[in-house]
Amino acid sequence: MTIDFRAYLGDTLAGVRRIHHAAGETVERSVGAVEFRFESGRVLFMDSGPDGEAIRMSAAAWVDPFGGHLTPENAEFVRQSGKLTAFDVSGEEPFASLIGTKLVDLAPMMALSDKVIGCVVNLDGAFVAVYANFDECHVARLP
């Protein structure tokens, strides 16, 4: 899927979800995909790509592959290993203060190999870096 990033320019951030691995009560919150939702209804989803180095971007919302009715085998797998789970982090920093801001720019982060390894999202002058590193997606608000 090709994304027309220009369509996002000027759109207002309405919410943010992070996709974290959860196993029982334990949630690994230091890494995980991010999904920006905008007032227009547009979504910008970013995660580590299949090669573990490139960033993968999509205009489609994340869908839980284990959502809904699980087979007994899948239920046992989830019980033993956990699963990726979406968390609405719109009310948590560093995202809470960004809700209601407009997307001004998206700038790629390039590796020396010319591979796009991340993206810097400019929201009314506040910058959020989303980048892939060793199979994980990292998200950080820049100073």
Foldseek 3Di string as FASTA:
>chain_A
DDDPVVVQFFFFFAFKKFKWFDAPPDTDPQFGKMWTATPVRWIWTWWQDPVQAAIDIDRDDDDFPCPDDDDPVVVVCCNVGTGIDIDTCCCPPPRVVLGGFGWHDKAFDADPVRGGFWIWTATPNWTWIWGGDRRTIGIDTDD
